[in-house]
């Protein structure tokens, strides 16, 4: 399977009035909308009533001259809270600098109006292609206590 192509077709796109910089600098995300393309409109039937959605997007605005980064720091936390964070593997972070430019977010569903989903906690830029949406359902909530490493606890304590 190595080096095989994967073809993905967007089902919609993000609509927000916030600039890329405002989205990037937001800790809790911003408010915005997801426009579902007409051919996928029937797919959002019965989403109303769910409080949260798992949304997968494609980061179509990667940093210029960016190469695959496997070690990252929590730059946003460092910048906003003036703290030093450890260098960790990209898979131990929520960094957008990833081998595959996928964004996986849990968004709060505020309203549905025809083929437009109004959401909050949005961490995607205006125009971001949406690849998939799933409701965040009860079986997705971990039954056991969520654990994080000590270095992450320290970052979280700095944030709160």
C-alpha atoms as a PDB file:
ATOM      1  CA  UNK A   1       0.000   0.000   0.000  1.00  0.00           C
ATOM      2  CA  UNK A   2       2.976   2.320   0.431  1.00  0.00           C
ATOM      3  CA  UNK A   3       3.008   5.261  -2.007  1.00  0.00           C
ATOM      4  CA  UNK A   4      -0.488   4.596  -3.344  1.00  0.00           C
ATOM      5  CA  UNK A   5      -2.696   7.568  -4.085  1.00  0.00           C
ATOM      6  CA  UNK A   6      -5.920   8.170  -2.223  1.00  0.00           C
ATOM      7  CA  UNK A   7      -8.644  10.221  -3.849  1.00  0.00           C
ATOM      8  CA  UNK A   8     -10.935  12.160  -1.528  1.00  0.00           C
ATOM      9  CA  UNK A   9     -13.922  14.227  -2.615  1.00  0.00           C
ATOM     10  CA  UNK A  10     -15.050  17.126  -0.408  1.00  0.00           C
ATOM     11  CA  UNK A  11     -18.652  17.062   0.807  1.00  0.00           C
ATOM     12  CA  UNK A  12     -18.664  20.731   1.785  1.00  0.00           C
ATOM     13  CA  UNK A  13     -16.572  23.620   3.005  1.00  0.00           C
ATOM     14  CA  UNK A  14     -16.068  25.908   5.979  1.00  0.00           C
ATOM     15  CA  UNK A  15     -17.575  29.388   5.939  1.00  0.00           C
ATOM     16  CA  UNK A  16     -16.342  31.844   8.558  1.00  0.00           C
ATOM     17  CA  UNK A  17     -15.802  35.583   8.764  1.00  0.00           C
ATOM     18  CA  UNK A  18     -12.745  35.116  10.986  1.00  0.00           C
ATOM     19  CA  UNK A  19      -9.322  35.565   9.405  1.00  0.00           C
ATOM     20  CA  UNK A  20      -6.843  32.694   9.252  1.00  0.00           C
ATOM     21  CA  UNK A  21      -4.814  34.460  11.932  1.00  0.00           C
ATOM     22  CA  UNK A  22      -7.827  34.798  14.244  1.00  0.00           C
ATOM     23  CA  UNK A  23      -8.624  31.104  13.813  1.00  0.00           C
ATOM     24  CA  UNK A  24      -4.978  30.136  14.403  1.00  0.00           C
ATOM     25  CA  UNK A  25      -4.757  32.223  17.561  1.00  0.00           C
ATOM     26  CA  UNK A  26      -8.025  30.996  19.055  1.00  0.00           C
ATOM     27  CA  UNK A  27      -7.652  28.503  21.891  1.00  0.00           C
ATOM     28  CA  UNK A  28     -11.298  27.373  21.870  1.00  0.00           C
ATOM     29  CA  UNK A  29     -11.981  27.853  18.165  1.00  0.00           C
ATOM     30  CA  UNK A  30     -14.372  30.276  16.517  1.00  0.00           C
ATOM     31  CA  UNK A  31     -17.968  30.280  15.388  1.00  0.00           C
ATOM     32  CA  UNK A  32     -18.703  29.496  11.758  1.00  0.00           C
ATOM     33  CA  UNK A  33     -20.652  27.408   9.297  1.00  0.00           C
ATOM     34  CA  UNK A  34     -20.185  24.311   7.230  1.00  0.00           C
ATOM     35  CA  UNK A  35     -21.806  24.452   3.824  1.00  0.00           C
ATOM     36  CA  UNK A  36     -22.795  20.964   2.674  1.00  0.00           C
ATOM     37  CA  UNK A  37     -22.775  20.686  -1.106  1.00  0.00           C
ATOM     38  CA  UNK A  38     -26.150  19.978  -2.712  1.00  0.00           C
ATOM     39  CA  UNK A  39     -25.287  16.432  -3.794  1.00  0.00           C
ATOM     40  CA  UNK A  40     -24.606  15.528  -0.111  1.00  0.00           C
ATOM     41  CA  UNK A  41     -27.531  17.441   1.412  1.00  0.00           C
ATOM     42  CA  UNK A  42     -29.543  14.267   2.168  1.00  0.00           C
ATOM     43  CA  UNK A  43     -26.598  12.997   4.227  1.00  0.00           C
ATOM     44  CA  UNK A  44     -27.231  15.516   7.013  1.00  0.00           C
ATOM     45  CA  UNK A  45     -30.813  14.365   7.545  1.00  0.00           C
ATOM     46  CA  UNK A  46     -31.485  13.776  11.256  1.00  0.00           C
ATOM     47  CA  UNK A  47     -28.292  15.455  12.548  1.00  0.00           C
ATOM     48  CA  UNK A  48     -30.469  17.856  14.528  1.00  0.00           C
ATOM     49  CA  UNK A  49     -30.537  16.801  18.147  1.00  0.00           C
ATOM     50  CA  UNK A  50     -26.837  15.894  18.265  1.00  0.00           C
ATOM     51  CA  UNK A  51     -24.844  18.406  20.301  1.00  0.00           C
ATOM     52  CA  UNK A  52     -21.437  17.708  18.771  1.00  0.00           C
ATOM     53  CA  UNK A  53     -19.978  16.513  15.482  1.00  0.00           C
ATOM     54  CA  UNK A  54     -16.720  14.833  14.503  1.00  0.00           C
ATOM     55  CA  UNK A  55     -15.603  16.741  11.427  1.00  0.00           C
ATOM     56  CA  UNK A  56     -12.714  15.841   9.137  1.00  0.00           C
ATOM     57  CA  UNK A  57     -11.287  18.573   6.954  1.00  0.00           C
ATOM     58  CA  UNK A  58      -8.384  18.949   4.591  1.00  0.00           C
ATOM     59  CA  UNK A  59      -5.801  21.628   5.464  1.00  0.00           C
ATOM     60  CA  UNK A  60      -5.693  23.236   2.047  1.00  0.00           C
ATOM     61  CA  UNK A  61      -3.584  26.176   3.215  1.00  0.00           C
ATOM     62  CA  UNK A  62      -0.337  24.575   4.432  1.00  0.00           C
ATOM     63  CA  UNK A  63       2.552  26.802   5.449  1.00  0.00           C
ATOM     64  CA  UNK A  64       4.769  27.789   2.537  1.00  0.00           C
ATOM     65  CA  UNK A  65       7.954  25.751   2.179  1.00  0.00           C
ATOM     66  CA  UNK A  66       6.748  23.372   4.873  1.00  0.00           C
ATOM     67  CA  UNK A  67       8.207  19.915   4.961  1.00  0.00           C
ATOM     68  CA  UNK A  68       6.844  17.008   6.932  1.00  0.00           C
ATOM     69  CA  UNK A  69       7.612  17.763  10.555  1.00  0.00           C
ATOM     70  CA  UNK A  70       7.738  14.867  12.965  1.00  0.00           C
ATOM     71  CA  UNK A  71       8.780  16.851  16.072  1.00  0.00           C
ATOM     72  CA  UNK A  72       6.774  19.887  17.177  1.00  0.00           C
ATOM     73  CA  UNK A  73       6.294  22.302  20.067  1.00  0.00           C
ATOM     74  CA  UNK A  74       3.027  23.814  21.276  1.00  0.00           C
ATOM     75  CA  UNK A  75       3.796  27.176  19.653  1.00  0.00           C
ATOM     76  CA  UNK A  76       0.319  28.654  20.173  1.00  0.00           C
ATOM     77  CA  UNK A  77       0.463  27.906  23.912  1.00  0.00           C
ATOM     78  CA  UNK A  78       4.017  29.297  24.097  1.00  0.00           C
ATOM     79  CA  UNK A  79       2.991  32.473  22.293  1.00  0.00           C
ATOM     80  CA  UNK A  80      -0.254  33.094  24.170  1.00  0.00           C
ATOM     81  CA  UNK A  81       0.876  32.095  27.674  1.00  0.00           C
ATOM     82  CA  UNK A  82       4.601  32.831  27.458  1.00  0.00           C
ATOM     83  CA  UNK A  83       5.652  29.345  28.610  1.00  0.00           C
ATOM     84  CA  UNK A  84       8.157  26.890  27.209  1.00  0.00           C
ATOM     85  CA  UNK A  85       6.682  23.555  26.080  1.00  0.00           C
ATOM     86  CA  UNK A  86       8.471  20.288  25.331  1.00  0.00           C
ATOM     87  CA  UNK A  87       9.277  19.092  21.838  1.00  0.00           C
ATOM     88  CA  UNK A  88       7.077  16.068  21.119  1.00  0.00           C
ATOM     89  CA  UNK A  89       6.255  13.822  18.206  1.00  0.00           C
ATOM     90  CA  UNK A  90       3.629  15.269  15.885  1.00  0.00           C
ATOM     91  CA  UNK A  91       1.310  12.344  16.692  1.00  0.00           C
ATOM     92  CA  UNK A  92       1.420  13.370  20.382  1.00  0.00           C
ATOM     93  CA  UNK A  93       0.052  16.802  19.480  1.00  0.00           C
ATOM     94  CA  UNK A  94      -2.771  18.567  17.735  1.00  0.00           C
ATOM     95  CA  UNK A  95      -0.314  20.403  15.499  1.00  0.00           C
ATOM     96  CA  UNK A  96      -1.486  21.135  11.952  1.00  0.00           C
ATOM     97  CA  UNK A  97       2.034  20.280  10.703  1.00  0.00           C
ATOM     98  CA  UNK A  98       1.349  16.649   9.840  1.00  0.00           C
ATOM     99  CA  UNK A  99       2.353  14.138   7.152  1.00  0.00           C
ATOM    100  CA  UNK A 100      -1.239  14.125   5.875  1.00  0.00           C
ATOM    101  CA  UNK A 101      -3.009  17.449   6.003  1.00  0.00           C
ATOM    102  CA  UNK A 102      -6.130  16.165   7.742  1.00  0.00           C
ATOM    103  CA  UNK A 103      -7.931  18.104  10.453  1.00  0.00           C
ATOM    104  CA  UNK A 104     -10.058  16.148  12.920  1.00  0.00           C
ATOM    105  CA  UNK A 105     -12.252  18.326  15.136  1.00  0.00           C
ATOM    106  CA  UNK A 106     -15.083  17.942  17.592  1.00  0.00           C
ATOM    107  CA  UNK A 107     -17.424  20.842  16.883  1.00  0.00           C
ATOM    108  CA  UNK A 108     -20.507  21.995  18.775  1.00  0.00           C
ATOM    109  CA  UNK A 109     -23.554  21.932  16.517  1.00  0.00           C
ATOM    110  CA  UNK A 110     -25.585  25.075  17.115  1.00  0.00           C
ATOM    111  CA  UNK A 111     -28.141  24.999  14.310  1.00  0.00           C
ATOM    112  CA  UNK A 112     -28.990  23.491  10.930  1.00  0.00           C
ATOM    113  CA  UNK A 113     -30.516  25.643   8.212  1.00  0.00           C
ATOM    114  CA  UNK A 114     -31.107  23.712   4.991  1.00  0.00           C
ATOM    115  CA  UNK A 115     -27.606  22.568   3.967  1.00  0.00           C
ATOM    116  CA  UNK A 116     -25.697  24.824   6.368  1.00  0.00           C
ATOM    117  CA  UNK A 117     -24.478  23.635   9.758  1.00  0.00           C
ATOM    118  CA  UNK A 118     -23.770  26.406  12.247  1.00  0.00           C
ATOM    119  CA  UNK A 119     -20.966  25.337  14.594  1.00  0.00           C
ATOM    120  CA  UNK A 120     -18.620  26.589  17.297  1.00  0.00           C
ATOM    121  CA  UNK A 121     -15.179  25.414  18.441  1.00  0.00           C
ATOM    122  CA  UNK A 122     -14.183  25.706  14.781  1.00  0.00           C
ATOM    123  CA  UNK A 123     -10.426  25.448  14.196  1.00  0.00           C
ATOM    124  CA  UNK A 124     -10.513  25.437  10.402  1.00  0.00           C
ATOM    125  CA  UNK A 125      -9.972  28.330   8.012  1.00  0.00           C
ATOM    126  CA  UNK A 126     -12.570  29.796   5.695  1.00  0.00           C
ATOM    127  CA  UNK A 127     -12.779  27.612   2.583  1.00  0.00           C
ATOM    128  CA  UNK A 128     -11.380  24.477   4.234  1.00  0.00           C
ATOM    129  CA  UNK A 129     -12.744  21.441   2.342  1.00  0.00           C
ATOM    130  CA  UNK A 130     -14.810  19.117   4.550  1.00  0.00           C
ATOM    131  CA  UNK A 131     -14.264  15.412   3.882  1.00  0.00           C
ATOM    132  CA  UNK A 132     -16.579  13.755   6.404  1.00  0.00           C
ATOM    133  CA  UNK A 133     -18.958  14.442   9.291  1.00  0.00           C
ATOM    134  CA  UNK A 134     -20.120  12.051  11.990  1.00  0.00           C
ATOM    135  CA  UNK A 135     -22.217  12.675  15.067  1.00  0.00           C
ATOM    136  CA  UNK A 136     -20.343  12.533  18.356  1.00  0.00           C
ATOM    137  CA  UNK A 137     -22.357   9.749  19.964  1.00  0.00           C
ATOM    138  CA  UNK A 138     -22.430   8.181  23.406  1.00  0.00           C
ATOM    139  CA  UNK A 139     -20.358   5.147  22.397  1.00  0.00           C
ATOM    140  CA  UNK A 140     -17.495   7.489  21.432  1.00  0.00           C
ATOM    141  CA  UNK A 141     -17.172   8.755  25.014  1.00  0.00           C
ATOM    142  CA  UNK A 142     -14.397   6.766  26.709  1.00  0.00           C
ATOM    143  CA  UNK A 143     -15.680   4.565  29.534  1.00  0.00           C
ATOM    144  CA  UNK A 144     -12.385   4.691  31.382  1.00  0.00           C
ATOM    145  CA  UNK A 145     -10.692   7.786  32.774  1.00  0.00           C
ATOM    146  CA  UNK A 146      -8.808   9.781  30.157  1.00  0.00           C
ATOM    147  CA  UNK A 147      -5.091   9.892  30.938  1.00  0.00           C
ATOM    148  CA  UNK A 148      -2.481  12.324  29.652  1.00  0.00           C
ATOM    149  CA  UNK A 149       1.293  12.482  30.263  1.00  0.00           C
ATOM    150  CA  UNK A 150       2.749  14.778  32.940  1.00  0.00           C
ATOM    151  CA  UNK A 151       4.181  17.172  30.346  1.00  0.00           C
ATOM    152  CA  UNK A 152       0.685  17.676  28.918  1.00  0.00           C
ATOM    153  CA  UNK A 153      -0.819  18.230  32.381  1.00  0.00           C
ATOM    154  CA  UNK A 154       1.715  21.019  32.937  1.00  0.00           C
ATOM    155  CA  UNK A 155       0.744  22.681  29.660  1.00  0.00           C
ATOM    156  CA  UNK A 156      -2.952  22.404  30.528  1.00  0.00           C
ATOM    157  CA  UNK A 157      -2.387  23.887  34.005  1.00  0.00           C
ATOM    158  CA  UNK A 158      -0.631  26.857  32.379  1.00  0.00           C
ATOM    159  CA  UNK A 159      -3.635  27.349  30.099  1.00  0.00           C
ATOM    160  CA  UNK A 160      -6.276  27.382  32.826  1.00  0.00           C
END
